[in-house]
Every structure is written in structure tokens, then in C-alpha cells.
Amino acid sequence: MVAEARGLIFDIKLIKKELEKLGAEFKGDYEFTDHIYKLINSDKIDLNKEFVRIREYDKSAWKHKKFVLVHKVTSWGNGKKKSKKILKEEFDNLNDAENKIKDYKLYFKFHRTGSQYRFKDSDLFIEDLEYLGRSIEIESEDEKTINDLFNKFQIIEKFSDCVPKLVEKKLK
């Protein structure tokens, strides 16, 4: 299972230059809005454990439809998360995606822009996140690789929550 870790960074351009020096492969730029949903009849939600999201793409380096619905369940350990998608479906419009999750209502949404790089067996996502600022996410099968890369990039703060949870905290 792939492990993921995210941290706050000072300068996106600096990180990109460092990745290029290391020989990382640039995979593409992207821009999207995440729509986070919660059950209609529930006030309780733990976004670190589970969430339903519709991602609305404005620009993408990946092949998919404009709207991607995901129900994600996550476990955490040592500041790293392991996620499992129990539902993933693509749609041409938001209305069709929302019709698939009729028991849910929009909780909040946020925007992000980013760039993806590939370094050895790891995927790196350098992003500017609405409400949170600049960050790097590293996905790898090897947790040592994640730790080594985090140390190399001088992470300002390592996040112990998923992005939707961090945004939720900022909005409260």
C-alpha cells in the first residue's frame, strides 16, 4: 500500500529547482476544486478517517472526466497516511455526480493548483492550496524515501491531518 505524507513549504520554485537537480521527471500541472460532502442527517464527521469528495478539474495532467467522485477511507501511522478508495466514479457534470450521493450534502469546497513530479519510485505533488498555502505531498511504497525527501526539502511543518481536515479547521 502506498504511504503519503504532506508538509508546508516556504517556496514552490525552490522545491521545483531542487527536484530538477535531483533528476525528477516533471509529469504535468493541474488545477481543481475539491467539493467535500457529509451525510445529510449527521453533524459528526471525521475527515481524517473518511470522506466523500467530488473533484472538479480545470486543468489536468491525467486522463479522466471533468468530475471525479471518490469515497476515501484512511488510516494513519507515524504521521503518514494510507488511503483506500472504496468508490471512484467519473462524470461529465456536477449534477450527475451529486445524484450518485443523494444522502450527502455539500460541506465545503476549496481550490488548488499544483505540479506533479516523479522521482525514483515516488510521486511528488507541489501545490498551492486555498486556505493552507504551499505544500508538498510525497507518495511512496517506501516510508524511508518519504522521510529522506522531507528532510531534503526543509519542510516548515509536517501535517498530521488530511487536506480536507486541515481546510475544515481553517474554516471553523
Protein backbone atom coordinates (compact mmCIF):
# COMPACT_ATOMS: atom_id res chain seq x y z
CA MET A 1 0.00 0.00 0.00
CA VAL A 2 1.24 3.47 -0.85
CA ALA A 3 2.08 5.76 2.06
CA GLU A 4 1.57 9.52 1.81
CA ALA A 5 2.89 12.47 3.76
CA ARG A 6 2.39 16.20 3.31
CA GLY A 7 4.15 19.24 4.69
CA LEU A 8 4.13 23.01 4.43
CA ILE A 9 6.90 24.53 2.31
CA PHE A 10 8.32 28.03 2.02
CA ASP A 11 8.93 28.37 -1.71
CA ILE A 12 7.41 26.33 -4.57
CA LYS A 13 10.02 27.50 -7.12
CA LEU A 14 12.86 26.44 -4.83
CA ILE A 15 11.42 22.94 -4.38
CA LYS A 16 10.89 22.58 -8.15
CA LYS A 17 14.53 23.59 -8.81
CA GLU A 18 15.72 21.07 -6.23
CA LEU A 19 13.61 18.32 -7.84
CA GLU A 20 15.08 19.16 -11.25
CA LYS A 21 18.61 18.99 -9.79
CA LEU A 22 17.80 15.54 -8.40
CA GLY A 23 16.66 14.42 -11.84
CA ALA A 24 12.95 14.15 -11.02
CA GLU A 25 10.66 13.87 -14.04
CA PHE A 26 8.05 16.61 -14.48
CA LYS A 27 4.68 14.92 -15.15
CA GLY A 28 2.43 17.96 -15.56
CA ASP A 29 0.46 20.81 -13.99
CA TYR A 30 -3.07 20.61 -12.65
CA GLU A 31 -5.80 22.76 -11.14
CA PHE A 32 -9.01 21.64 -9.47
CA THR A 33 -11.64 22.32 -6.83
CA ASP A 34 -12.47 19.71 -4.20
CA HIS A 35 -16.11 19.60 -3.11
CA ILE A 36 -16.31 17.84 0.29
CA TYR A 37 -19.64 16.28 1.33
CA LYS A 38 -21.11 14.95 4.55
CA LEU A 39 -24.19 12.88 5.32
CA ILE A 40 -27.36 14.96 5.34
CA ASN A 41 -28.58 13.70 8.75
CA SER A 42 -25.24 13.79 10.54
CA ASP A 43 -23.36 16.63 12.18
CA LYS A 44 -20.49 14.35 13.14
CA ILE A 45 -17.73 13.81 10.60
CA ASP A 46 -14.07 12.78 10.94
CA LEU A 47 -12.43 13.74 7.67
CA ASN A 48 -9.17 12.08 8.74
CA LYS A 49 -10.89 8.70 8.70
CA GLU A 50 -13.32 9.00 5.82
CA PHE A 51 -14.79 11.47 3.35
CA VAL A 52 -16.76 11.80 0.13
CA ARG A 53 -15.36 14.20 -2.44
CA ILE A 54 -16.15 15.37 -5.92
CA ARG A 55 -13.05 16.75 -7.61
CA GLU A 56 -13.77 19.27 -10.36
CA TYR A 57 -10.83 19.57 -12.76
CA ASP A 58 -10.00 22.81 -14.57
CA LYS A 59 -6.60 21.57 -15.80
CA SER A 60 -5.08 18.12 -15.53
CA ALA A 61 -2.10 16.01 -16.49
CA TRP A 62 -4.19 12.84 -16.07
CA LYS A 63 -6.90 11.23 -18.20
CA HIS A 64 -10.37 11.41 -16.68
CA LYS A 65 -13.69 13.19 -16.99
CA LYS A 66 -14.20 16.70 -15.56
CA PHE A 67 -15.75 15.43 -12.29
CA VAL A 68 -14.40 12.53 -10.22
CA LEU A 69 -16.38 11.21 -7.25
CA VAL A 70 -14.35 9.42 -4.56
CA HIS A 71 -15.27 7.88 -1.21
CA LYS A 72 -11.98 7.54 0.64
CA VAL A 73 -11.20 5.67 3.88
CA THR A 74 -7.87 6.45 5.55
CA SER A 75 -5.69 5.03 8.30
CA TRP A 76 -2.82 6.93 9.94
CA GLY A 77 0.50 5.92 11.49
CA ASN A 78 3.69 7.86 12.29
CA GLY A 79 2.46 10.99 10.51
CA LYS A 80 1.83 9.08 7.30
CA LYS A 81 -1.49 8.11 5.84
CA LYS A 82 -2.64 5.07 3.93
CA SER A 83 -5.80 5.56 1.92
CA LYS A 84 -8.22 3.21 0.27
CA LYS A 85 -10.77 4.38 -2.29
CA ILE A 86 -13.97 2.40 -1.80
CA LEU A 87 -15.74 4.28 -4.59
CA LYS A 88 -14.34 6.09 -7.61
CA GLU A 89 -16.54 7.16 -10.49
CA GLU A 90 -16.19 9.79 -13.22
CA PHE A 91 -18.86 12.15 -14.56
CA ASP A 92 -19.24 14.82 -17.23
CA ASN A 93 -21.12 17.22 -14.95
CA LEU A 94 -21.51 18.03 -11.26
CA ASN A 95 -25.24 17.31 -11.15
CA ASP A 96 -24.76 13.70 -12.29
CA ALA A 97 -22.02 13.18 -9.69
CA GLU A 98 -24.16 14.65 -6.90
CA ASN A 99 -27.09 12.44 -7.93
CA LYS A 100 -24.89 9.44 -7.11
CA ILE A 101 -24.56 10.63 -3.48
CA LYS A 102 -28.11 11.76 -2.67
CA ASP A 103 -27.66 11.08 1.08
CA TYR A 104 -24.88 13.68 1.20
CA LYS A 105 -24.81 17.48 1.16
CA LEU A 106 -22.00 19.89 0.32
CA TYR A 107 -19.97 20.65 3.43
CA PHE A 108 -17.31 22.97 1.92
CA LYS A 109 -15.04 23.32 -1.10
CA PHE A 110 -11.52 24.55 -1.77
CA HIS A 111 -9.25 25.13 -4.75
CA ARG A 112 -5.70 24.02 -5.50
CA THR A 113 -3.10 24.31 -8.23
CA GLY A 114 -0.08 22.10 -8.50
CA SER A 115 2.62 20.24 -10.36
CA GLN A 116 3.42 16.54 -10.29
CA TYR A 117 6.92 15.07 -10.38
CA ARG A 118 8.19 11.50 -10.40
CA PHE A 119 11.41 10.72 -8.53
CA LYS A 120 12.59 7.12 -8.45
CA ASP A 121 9.55 5.20 -7.13
CA SER A 122 7.82 8.24 -5.60
CA ASP A 123 5.23 10.74 -6.79
CA LEU A 124 5.60 14.30 -5.54
CA PHE A 125 2.91 16.96 -5.71
CA ILE A 126 3.92 20.59 -5.21
CA GLU A 127 0.75 22.59 -4.52
CA ASP A 128 -0.73 25.91 -3.57
CA LEU A 129 -3.84 25.13 -1.53
CA GLU A 130 -6.62 27.60 -0.83
CA TYR A 131 -6.75 28.33 2.95
CA LEU A 132 -3.49 26.42 3.63
CA GLY A 133 -0.75 27.78 1.37
CA ARG A 134 2.16 26.00 -0.29
CA SER A 135 2.80 22.31 0.36
CA ILE A 136 4.45 19.17 -0.88
CA GLU A 137 2.89 15.71 -0.80
CA ILE A 138 5.03 12.63 -1.27
CA GLU A 139 3.56 9.23 -2.13
CA SER A 140 5.79 6.18 -1.97
CA GLU A 141 5.77 2.47 -1.17
CA ASP A 142 8.86 3.14 0.96
CA GLU A 143 8.44 5.25 4.10
CA LYS A 144 12.20 5.80 4.36
CA THR A 145 12.11 7.54 0.96
CA ILE A 146 9.37 9.85 2.24
CA ASN A 147 11.42 10.73 5.34
CA ASP A 148 14.59 11.29 3.30
CA LEU A 149 12.81 13.61 0.84
CA PHE A 150 11.09 15.53 3.64
CA ASN A 151 14.47 16.16 5.25
CA LYS A 152 15.98 17.28 1.94
CA PHE A 153 13.21 19.82 1.23
CA GLN A 154 13.26 21.60 4.61
CA ILE A 155 9.60 21.16 5.44
CA ILE A 156 8.31 24.03 7.62
CA GLU A 157 5.58 21.95 9.21
CA LYS A 158 4.61 18.33 8.70
CA PHE A 159 0.84 17.87 8.52
CA SER A 160 -0.73 15.18 10.67
CA ASP A 161 -4.21 15.66 9.15
CA CYS A 162 -5.52 15.13 5.64
CA VAL A 163 -6.08 18.22 3.49
CA PRO A 164 -9.90 18.29 3.89
CA LYS A 165 -9.47 18.16 7.70
CA LEU A 166 -6.92 20.99 7.61
CA VAL A 167 -9.25 23.13 5.49
CA GLU A 168 -12.18 22.31 7.79
CA LYS A 169 -10.12 23.58 10.77
CA LYS A 170 -9.31 26.83 8.92
CA LEU A 171 -12.98 27.40 8.08
CA LYS A 172 -14.21 26.96 11.68
